[in-house]
C-alpha atoms as a PDB file:
ATOM      1  CA  MET A   1    -102.628  18.691  17.461  1.00  0.00           C
ATOM      2  CA  LEU A   2    -105.193  21.524  17.234  1.00  0.00           C
ATOM      3  CA  GLY A   3    -105.430  23.548  14.078  1.00  0.00           C
ATOM      4  CA  ARG A   4    -107.508  26.613  13.428  1.00  0.00           C
ATOM      5  CA  VAL A   5    -110.934  27.328  14.881  1.00  0.00           C
ATOM      6  CA  ASN A   6    -113.373  26.018  12.293  1.00  0.00           C
ATOM      7  CA  HIS A   7    -116.514  27.440  13.897  1.00  0.00           C
ATOM      8  CA  ILE A   8    -118.256  28.455  17.089  1.00  0.00           C
ATOM      9  CA  ALA A   9    -121.720  26.955  17.463  1.00  0.00           C
ATOM     10  CA  ILE A  10    -124.690  28.748  18.993  1.00  0.00           C
ATOM     11  CA  ALA A  11    -127.877  26.857  19.831  1.00  0.00           C
ATOM     12  CA  VAL A  12    -130.976  28.878  18.946  1.00  0.00           C
ATOM     13  CA  PRO A  13    -134.685  28.294  19.566  1.00  0.00           C
ATOM     14  CA  ASP A  14    -135.674  29.663  16.119  1.00  0.00           C
ATOM     15  CA  LEU A  15    -133.196  29.200  13.270  1.00  0.00           C
ATOM     16  CA  THR A  16    -135.110  31.422  10.837  1.00  0.00           C
ATOM     17  CA  SER A  17    -135.104  34.449  13.142  1.00  0.00           C
ATOM     18  CA  ALA A  18    -131.496  33.845  14.235  1.00  0.00           C
ATOM     19  CA  ALA A  19    -130.325  33.652  10.614  1.00  0.00           C
ATOM     20  CA  ALA A  20    -132.277  36.806   9.808  1.00  0.00           C
ATOM     21  CA  ALA A  21    -130.667  38.657  12.730  1.00  0.00           C
ATOM     22  CA  TYR A  22    -127.171  37.754  11.548  1.00  0.00           C
ATOM     23  CA  ARG A  23    -128.017  38.509   7.901  1.00  0.00           C
ATOM     24  CA  ASP A  24    -130.234  41.589   8.208  1.00  0.00           C
ATOM     25  CA  THR A  25    -129.030  43.234  11.426  1.00  0.00           C
ATOM     26  CA  LEU A  26    -125.348  42.296  11.410  1.00  0.00           C
ATOM     27  CA  GLY A  27    -124.935  42.216   7.615  1.00  0.00           C
ATOM     28  CA  ALA A  28    -123.344  38.761   7.513  1.00  0.00           C
ATOM     29  CA  ALA A  29    -123.488  36.165   4.750  1.00  0.00           C
ATOM     30  CA  VAL A  30    -125.625  33.245   5.953  1.00  0.00           C
ATOM     31  CA  SER A  31    -125.825  29.841   4.254  1.00  0.00           C
ATOM     32  CA  GLN A  32    -128.997  27.979   3.415  1.00  0.00           C
ATOM     33  CA  PRO A  33    -130.315  25.663   6.177  1.00  0.00           C
ATOM     34  CA  GLN A  34    -128.909  22.145   6.212  1.00  0.00           C
ATOM     35  CA  THR A  35    -130.615  19.254   8.025  1.00  0.00           C
ATOM     36  CA  LEU A  36    -128.240  16.820   9.741  1.00  0.00           C
ATOM     37  CA  ARG A  37    -130.472  13.955  10.886  1.00  0.00           C
ATOM     38  CA  GLU A  38    -127.577  11.923  12.331  1.00  0.00           C
ATOM     39  CA  HIS A  39    -126.800  14.843  14.671  1.00  0.00           C
ATOM     40  CA  GLY A  40    -130.442  15.821  15.313  1.00  0.00           C
ATOM     41  CA  VAL A  41    -130.062  19.416  14.127  1.00  0.00           C
ATOM     42  CA  THR A  42    -130.713  21.889  11.376  1.00  0.00           C
ATOM     43  CA  VAL A  43    -127.859  24.354  10.869  1.00  0.00           C
ATOM     44  CA  VAL A  44    -126.840  27.459   8.992  1.00  0.00           C
ATOM     45  CA  PHE A  45    -123.346  28.902   8.816  1.00  0.00           C
ATOM     46  CA  VAL A  46    -122.550  32.575   9.207  1.00  0.00           C
ATOM     47  CA  GLU A  47    -119.487  33.169   7.036  1.00  0.00           C
ATOM     48  CA  LEU A  48    -116.859  35.465   8.523  1.00  0.00           C
ATOM     49  CA  PRO A  49    -113.441  36.480   7.152  1.00  0.00           C
ATOM     50  CA  ASN A  50    -111.547  34.373   9.710  1.00  0.00           C
ATOM     51  CA  THR A  51    -113.997  31.611  10.737  1.00  0.00           C
ATOM     52  CA  LYS A  52    -117.684  30.674  10.833  1.00  0.00           C
ATOM     53  CA  VAL A  53    -120.520  30.769  13.359  1.00  0.00           C
ATOM     54  CA  GLU A  54    -122.830  27.766  13.237  1.00  0.00           C
ATOM     55  CA  LEU A  55    -126.418  28.398  14.310  1.00  0.00           C
ATOM     56  CA  LEU A  56    -128.071  25.157  15.510  1.00  0.00           C
ATOM     57  CA  GLU A  57    -131.765  24.383  15.893  1.00  0.00           C
ATOM     58  CA  PRO A  58    -133.021  21.059  17.290  1.00  0.00           C
ATOM     59  CA  LEU A  59    -134.520  18.567  14.884  1.00  0.00           C
ATOM     60  CA  GLY A  60    -137.170  17.079  17.161  1.00  0.00           C
ATOM     61  CA  GLU A  61    -137.385  16.555  20.912  1.00  0.00           C
ATOM     62  CA  ALA A  62    -134.720  13.812  20.954  1.00  0.00           C
ATOM     63  CA  SER A  63    -132.085  16.252  19.702  1.00  0.00           C
ATOM     64  CA  PRO A  64    -129.263  17.060  22.146  1.00  0.00           C
ATOM     65  CA  ILE A  65    -129.880  20.700  21.209  1.00  0.00           C
ATOM     66  CA  ALA A  66    -133.458  20.423  22.537  1.00  0.00           C
ATOM     67  CA  ALA A  67    -132.061  19.417  25.936  1.00  0.00           C
ATOM     68  CA  PHE A  68    -129.595  22.324  25.790  1.00  0.00           C
ATOM     69  CA  LEU A  69    -132.413  24.769  24.994  1.00  0.00           C
ATOM     70  CA  ASP A  70    -134.513  23.367  27.863  1.00  0.00           C
ATOM     71  CA  LYS A  71    -131.746  24.638  30.173  1.00  0.00           C
ATOM     72  CA  ASN A  72    -131.057  27.782  28.098  1.00  0.00           C
ATOM     73  CA  PRO A  73    -134.386  28.801  26.505  1.00  0.00           C
ATOM     74  CA  SER A  74    -132.949  31.893  24.811  1.00  0.00           C
ATOM     75  CA  GLY A  75    -130.092  29.889  23.311  1.00  0.00           C
ATOM     76  CA  GLY A  76    -126.367  30.287  23.802  1.00  0.00           C
ATOM     77  CA  MET A  77    -122.924  29.062  22.904  1.00  0.00           C
ATOM     78  CA  HIS A  78    -123.033  25.298  22.457  1.00  0.00           C
ATOM     79  CA  HIS A  79    -119.535  24.263  21.328  1.00  0.00           C
ATOM     80  CA  ILE A  80    -116.310  25.287  19.661  1.00  0.00           C
ATOM     81  CA  CYS A  81    -114.927  23.313  16.724  1.00  0.00           C
ATOM     82  CA  TYR A  82    -111.210  22.925  16.105  1.00  0.00           C
ATOM     83  CA  GLU A  83    -109.621  21.390  13.040  1.00  0.00           C
ATOM     84  CA  VAL A  84    -107.193  18.474  13.370  1.00  0.00           C
ATOM     85  CA  ASP A  85    -105.060  16.885  10.656  1.00  0.00           C
ATOM     86  CA  ASP A  86    -105.752  13.296  11.752  1.00  0.00           C
ATOM     87  CA  ILE A  87    -109.020  12.809  13.630  1.00  0.00           C
ATOM     88  CA  VAL A  88    -108.442   9.142  14.489  1.00  0.00           C
ATOM     89  CA  GLY A  89    -104.908   9.861  15.697  1.00  0.00           C
ATOM     90  CA  ALA A  90    -106.198  12.834  17.715  1.00  0.00           C
ATOM     91  CA  ARG A  91    -108.951  10.661  19.223  1.00  0.00           C
ATOM     92  CA  ASP A  92    -106.484   7.954  20.219  1.00  0.00           C
ATOM     93  CA  ARG A  93    -104.085  10.485  21.748  1.00  0.00           C
ATOM     94  CA  LEU A  94    -106.907  12.150  23.700  1.00  0.00           C
ATOM     95  CA  ILE A  95    -108.278   8.856  25.033  1.00  0.00           C
ATOM     96  CA  GLU A  96    -104.773   7.852  26.093  1.00  0.00           C
ATOM     97  CA  ALA A  97    -104.527  11.176  27.956  1.00  0.00           C
ATOM     98  CA  GLY A  98    -107.817  10.465  29.765  1.00  0.00           C
ATOM     99  CA  ALA A  99    -110.219  12.608  27.745  1.00  0.00           C
ATOM    100  CA  ARG A 100    -113.712  11.261  27.058  1.00  0.00           C
ATOM    101  CA  VAL A 101    -114.970  11.078  23.488  1.00  0.00           C
ATOM    102  CA  LEU A 102    -118.751  11.264  23.315  1.00  0.00           C
ATOM    103  CA  GLY A 103    -120.921   8.669  21.592  1.00  0.00           C
ATOM    104  CA  ASP A 104    -119.326   5.442  20.422  1.00  0.00           C
ATOM    105  CA  GLY A 105    -115.962   7.109  19.793  1.00  0.00           C
ATOM    106  CA  GLN A 106    -116.214   6.692  16.027  1.00  0.00           C
ATOM    107  CA  PRO A 107    -116.128   9.809  13.836  1.00  0.00           C
ATOM    108  CA  LYS A 108    -119.419  10.795  12.206  1.00  0.00           C
ATOM    109  CA  THR A 109    -119.887  12.926   9.123  1.00  0.00           C
ATOM    110  CA  GLY A 110    -120.373  16.589  10.063  1.00  0.00           C
ATOM    111  CA  ALA A 111    -122.004  19.522   8.288  1.00  0.00           C
ATOM    112  CA  HIS A 112    -118.964  20.069   6.050  1.00  0.00           C
ATOM    113  CA  GLY A 113    -118.944  16.434   4.921  1.00  0.00           C
ATOM    114  CA  LYS A 114    -115.848  15.700   7.018  1.00  0.00           C
ATOM    115  CA  PRO A 115    -115.376  13.369  10.014  1.00  0.00           C
ATOM    116  CA  VAL A 116    -116.122  14.910  13.435  1.00  0.00           C
ATOM    117  CA  LEU A 117    -115.943  13.879  17.097  1.00  0.00           C
ATOM    118  CA  PHE A 118    -117.123  15.568  20.276  1.00  0.00           C
ATOM    119  CA  LEU A 119    -115.206  15.694  23.570  1.00  0.00           C
ATOM    120  CA  HIS A 120    -116.872  15.735  26.978  1.00  0.00           C
ATOM    121  CA  PRO A 121    -117.220  19.295  28.330  1.00  0.00           C
ATOM    122  CA  LYS A 122    -116.264  18.232  31.864  1.00  0.00           C
ATOM    123  CA  ASP A 123    -112.795  17.381  30.551  1.00  0.00           C
ATOM    124  CA  PHE A 124    -112.353  20.854  28.999  1.00  0.00           C
ATOM    125  CA  PHE A 125    -113.511  23.358  31.613  1.00  0.00           C
ATOM    126  CA  GLY A 126    -117.215  23.221  30.785  1.00  0.00           C
ATOM    127  CA  THR A 127    -116.799  23.621  27.020  1.00  0.00           C
ATOM    128  CA  LEU A 128    -118.058  21.033  24.555  1.00  0.00           C
ATOM    129  CA  ILE A 129    -115.344  20.604  21.932  1.00  0.00           C
ATOM    130  CA  GLU A 130    -115.879  19.332  18.402  1.00  0.00           C
ATOM    131  CA  LEU A 131    -112.913  18.109  16.391  1.00  0.00           C
ATOM    132  CA  GLU A 132    -113.193  18.153  12.604  1.00  0.00           C
ATOM    133  CA  GLN A 133    -110.801  16.505  10.160  1.00  0.00           C
ATOM    134  CA  ALA A 134    -109.072  19.325   8.235  1.00  0.00           C
END
């Protein structure tokens, strides 16, 4: 069911300084910021030869990233995103196996313009998992 790792997401308290650190200190290519109101975040992607790193900043106090940063003020790894060929089929298989899909269970449009779902971290050893339609 799982395909390649699409990205690893890191929540950051200051997207501008985080992007600058990856670009200027680590020499990575960093995308322009993208606001995703439906997800409550602003993101940039650090492009790597084999995957991407997504840097997330909360978009307002109601953002789930704001709650994460309340517990981790310096930031930290937020989730890992795997690609799947059939997101609805993957969702149905996971629910049947007892996994919890967050939200209403319906895919939402992610930062790459593709359907995404999130799986409860308690079902996957403390790691929030995002699935993205390949």
